[in-house]
């Protein structure tokens, strides 16, 4: 999936890992759309979560990656945008299941409690696992109907 566009953003707590993940994703051949912030100065994470979510729902990016202290607030905020299925993920196995079972299109990572290496493994799993279709498609459609 090397031509996949990835919308990426963080808050101040996730800034350092966002920078490292952006470089790594580009090295892996992904088109990285870094939506900020440009520094580690304090920012409000909902602003950045919404930007990434809108990039994904508009089709400008196929996947979204958010990084904050825990990933929790970013996932909550991103899920307010219709069409987004954001998951706060802390393991490669959960990343695969979020894609396979829930067709997650945005992932929220912890920059404070999960190491950079683990987050790379999580992203590898998230970006390489296809949606399982079948019985999962009806459930994802029901999630969409809730919007």
Protein backbone atom coordinates (compact mmCIF):
# COMPACT_ATOMS: atom_id res chain seq x y z
CA UNK A 1 0.00 0.00 0.00
CA UNK A 2 2.96 2.39 -0.54
CA UNK A 3 0.98 5.04 -2.47
CA UNK A 4 -1.47 5.47 0.39
CA UNK A 5 -1.86 9.05 1.63
CA UNK A 6 -1.70 9.36 5.41
CA UNK A 7 -3.07 12.45 7.19
CA UNK A 8 -1.06 12.92 10.36
CA UNK A 9 -1.36 15.30 13.31
CA UNK A 10 -0.70 15.55 17.02
CA UNK A 11 -1.02 17.80 19.98
CA UNK A 12 1.94 19.06 22.00
CA UNK A 13 2.17 15.79 23.98
CA UNK A 14 2.43 13.70 20.82
CA UNK A 15 4.54 16.14 18.80
CA UNK A 16 7.90 14.37 19.17
CA UNK A 17 6.54 10.98 18.10
CA UNK A 18 4.50 12.59 15.30
CA UNK A 19 7.68 14.02 13.85
CA UNK A 20 9.47 10.67 14.06
CA UNK A 21 6.49 8.74 12.68
CA UNK A 22 6.11 11.18 9.78
CA UNK A 23 9.73 10.62 8.75
CA UNK A 24 9.41 6.86 9.15
CA UNK A 25 6.15 6.68 7.14
CA UNK A 26 7.71 8.73 4.33
CA UNK A 27 10.72 6.41 4.36
CA UNK A 28 8.31 3.47 4.06
CA UNK A 29 6.91 5.04 0.89
CA UNK A 30 3.69 6.60 2.15
CA UNK A 31 2.54 10.06 1.15
CA UNK A 32 2.49 11.89 4.48
CA UNK A 33 0.20 14.89 4.88
CA UNK A 34 1.47 16.44 8.12
CA UNK A 35 -1.32 18.69 9.38
CA UNK A 36 0.59 19.96 12.38
CA UNK A 37 1.34 21.36 14.72
CA UNK A 38 4.69 22.74 13.59
CA UNK A 39 6.12 23.00 17.12
CA UNK A 40 5.59 21.42 20.53
CA UNK A 41 3.85 24.54 21.87
CA UNK A 42 0.56 23.83 23.65
CA UNK A 43 -2.39 23.29 21.29
CA UNK A 44 -5.92 21.93 21.58
CA UNK A 45 -6.10 18.37 20.26
CA UNK A 46 -9.72 18.54 18.97
CA UNK A 47 -8.62 21.05 16.32
CA UNK A 48 -6.04 18.66 14.91
CA UNK A 49 -8.20 15.56 15.25
CA UNK A 50 -10.92 17.27 13.20
CA UNK A 51 -8.44 18.24 10.47
CA UNK A 52 -7.21 14.68 10.07
CA UNK A 53 -10.74 13.27 10.19
CA UNK A 54 -11.89 15.64 7.46
CA UNK A 55 -8.90 14.73 5.27
CA UNK A 56 -9.92 11.07 5.52
CA UNK A 57 -13.63 11.62 4.92
CA UNK A 58 -12.94 13.91 1.95
CA UNK A 59 -10.75 11.26 0.34
CA UNK A 60 -7.63 13.45 0.43
CA UNK A 61 -6.07 10.75 2.64
CA UNK A 62 -6.91 7.07 2.88
CA UNK A 63 -5.93 6.77 6.55
CA UNK A 64 -5.47 9.11 9.49
CA UNK A 65 -2.92 8.96 12.28
CA UNK A 66 -3.26 11.01 15.46
CA UNK A 67 -0.79 11.19 18.34
CA UNK A 68 -1.45 12.74 21.73
CA UNK A 69 -0.53 11.87 25.29
CA UNK A 70 -2.83 8.85 25.47
CA UNK A 71 -4.65 8.82 22.12
CA UNK A 72 -7.97 8.83 23.95
CA UNK A 73 -8.97 12.46 23.43
CA UNK A 74 -7.91 12.41 19.79
CA UNK A 75 -10.05 9.32 19.10
CA UNK A 76 -13.07 10.83 20.83
CA UNK A 77 -12.74 14.07 18.87
CA UNK A 78 -12.13 12.38 15.50
CA UNK A 79 -15.18 10.16 15.94
CA UNK A 80 -17.39 13.27 16.00
CA UNK A 81 -16.79 13.67 12.26
CA UNK A 82 -19.32 11.57 10.27
CA UNK A 83 -17.67 8.74 8.40
CA UNK A 84 -14.72 8.41 10.75
CA UNK A 85 -14.10 5.20 12.64
CA UNK A 86 -11.20 6.16 14.92
CA UNK A 87 -9.71 3.70 17.39
CA UNK A 88 -7.32 4.37 20.25
CA UNK A 89 -4.80 1.56 19.84
CA UNK A 90 -1.95 0.38 22.08
CA UNK A 91 -0.98 -2.95 20.46
CA UNK A 92 -0.38 -4.31 16.96
CA UNK A 93 -3.03 -7.00 17.53
CA UNK A 94 -5.71 -4.42 18.36
CA UNK A 95 -4.67 -2.41 15.29
CA UNK A 96 -5.26 -5.44 13.06
CA UNK A 97 -8.63 -6.13 14.68
CA UNK A 98 -9.71 -2.48 14.37
CA UNK A 99 -9.07 -2.69 10.63
CA UNK A 100 -10.37 -6.24 10.07
CA UNK A 101 -13.55 -6.02 12.17
CA UNK A 102 -14.37 -2.30 12.29
CA UNK A 103 -12.84 -0.89 9.08
CA UNK A 104 -11.14 1.75 11.25
CA UNK A 105 -9.85 4.56 9.06
CA UNK A 106 -8.17 6.67 11.75
CA UNK A 107 -5.84 5.48 14.48
CA UNK A 108 -5.06 7.40 17.67
CA UNK A 109 -1.75 6.62 19.33
CA UNK A 110 -0.22 7.38 22.71
CA UNK A 111 2.97 9.39 22.51
CA UNK A 112 3.56 9.24 26.26
CA UNK A 113 2.79 5.66 27.26
CA UNK A 114 3.68 3.68 24.13
CA UNK A 115 7.20 3.57 22.72
CA UNK A 116 8.06 4.77 19.25
CA UNK A 117 9.03 1.24 18.20
CA UNK A 118 5.70 -0.18 19.38
CA UNK A 119 3.82 2.62 17.62
CA UNK A 120 5.69 1.75 14.41
CA UNK A 121 4.57 -1.88 14.82
CA UNK A 122 1.01 -0.70 15.48
CA UNK A 123 1.05 1.43 12.32
CA UNK A 124 2.49 -1.40 10.26
CA UNK A 125 -0.38 -3.61 11.38
CA UNK A 126 -2.99 -0.87 10.90
CA UNK A 127 -1.80 0.04 7.41
CA UNK A 128 -1.38 -3.51 6.15
CA UNK A 129 -4.55 -5.18 7.45
CA UNK A 130 -7.54 -5.14 5.10
CA UNK A 131 -11.16 -4.86 6.19
CA UNK A 132 -12.59 -8.35 6.68
CA UNK A 133 -15.89 -7.62 4.87
CA UNK A 134 -18.39 -10.48 5.30
CA UNK A 135 -20.20 -10.44 8.62
CA UNK A 136 -18.29 -7.33 9.66
CA UNK A 137 -19.71 -5.22 6.81
CA UNK A 138 -23.24 -5.32 8.25
CA UNK A 139 -21.95 -4.19 11.63
CA UNK A 140 -19.93 -1.34 10.16
CA UNK A 141 -23.02 -0.29 8.20
CA UNK A 142 -24.97 -0.19 11.47
CA UNK A 143 -22.27 2.04 12.97
CA UNK A 144 -22.64 4.37 9.98
CA UNK A 145 -26.39 4.43 10.42
CA UNK A 146 -25.92 5.80 13.95
CA UNK A 147 -24.53 8.99 12.44
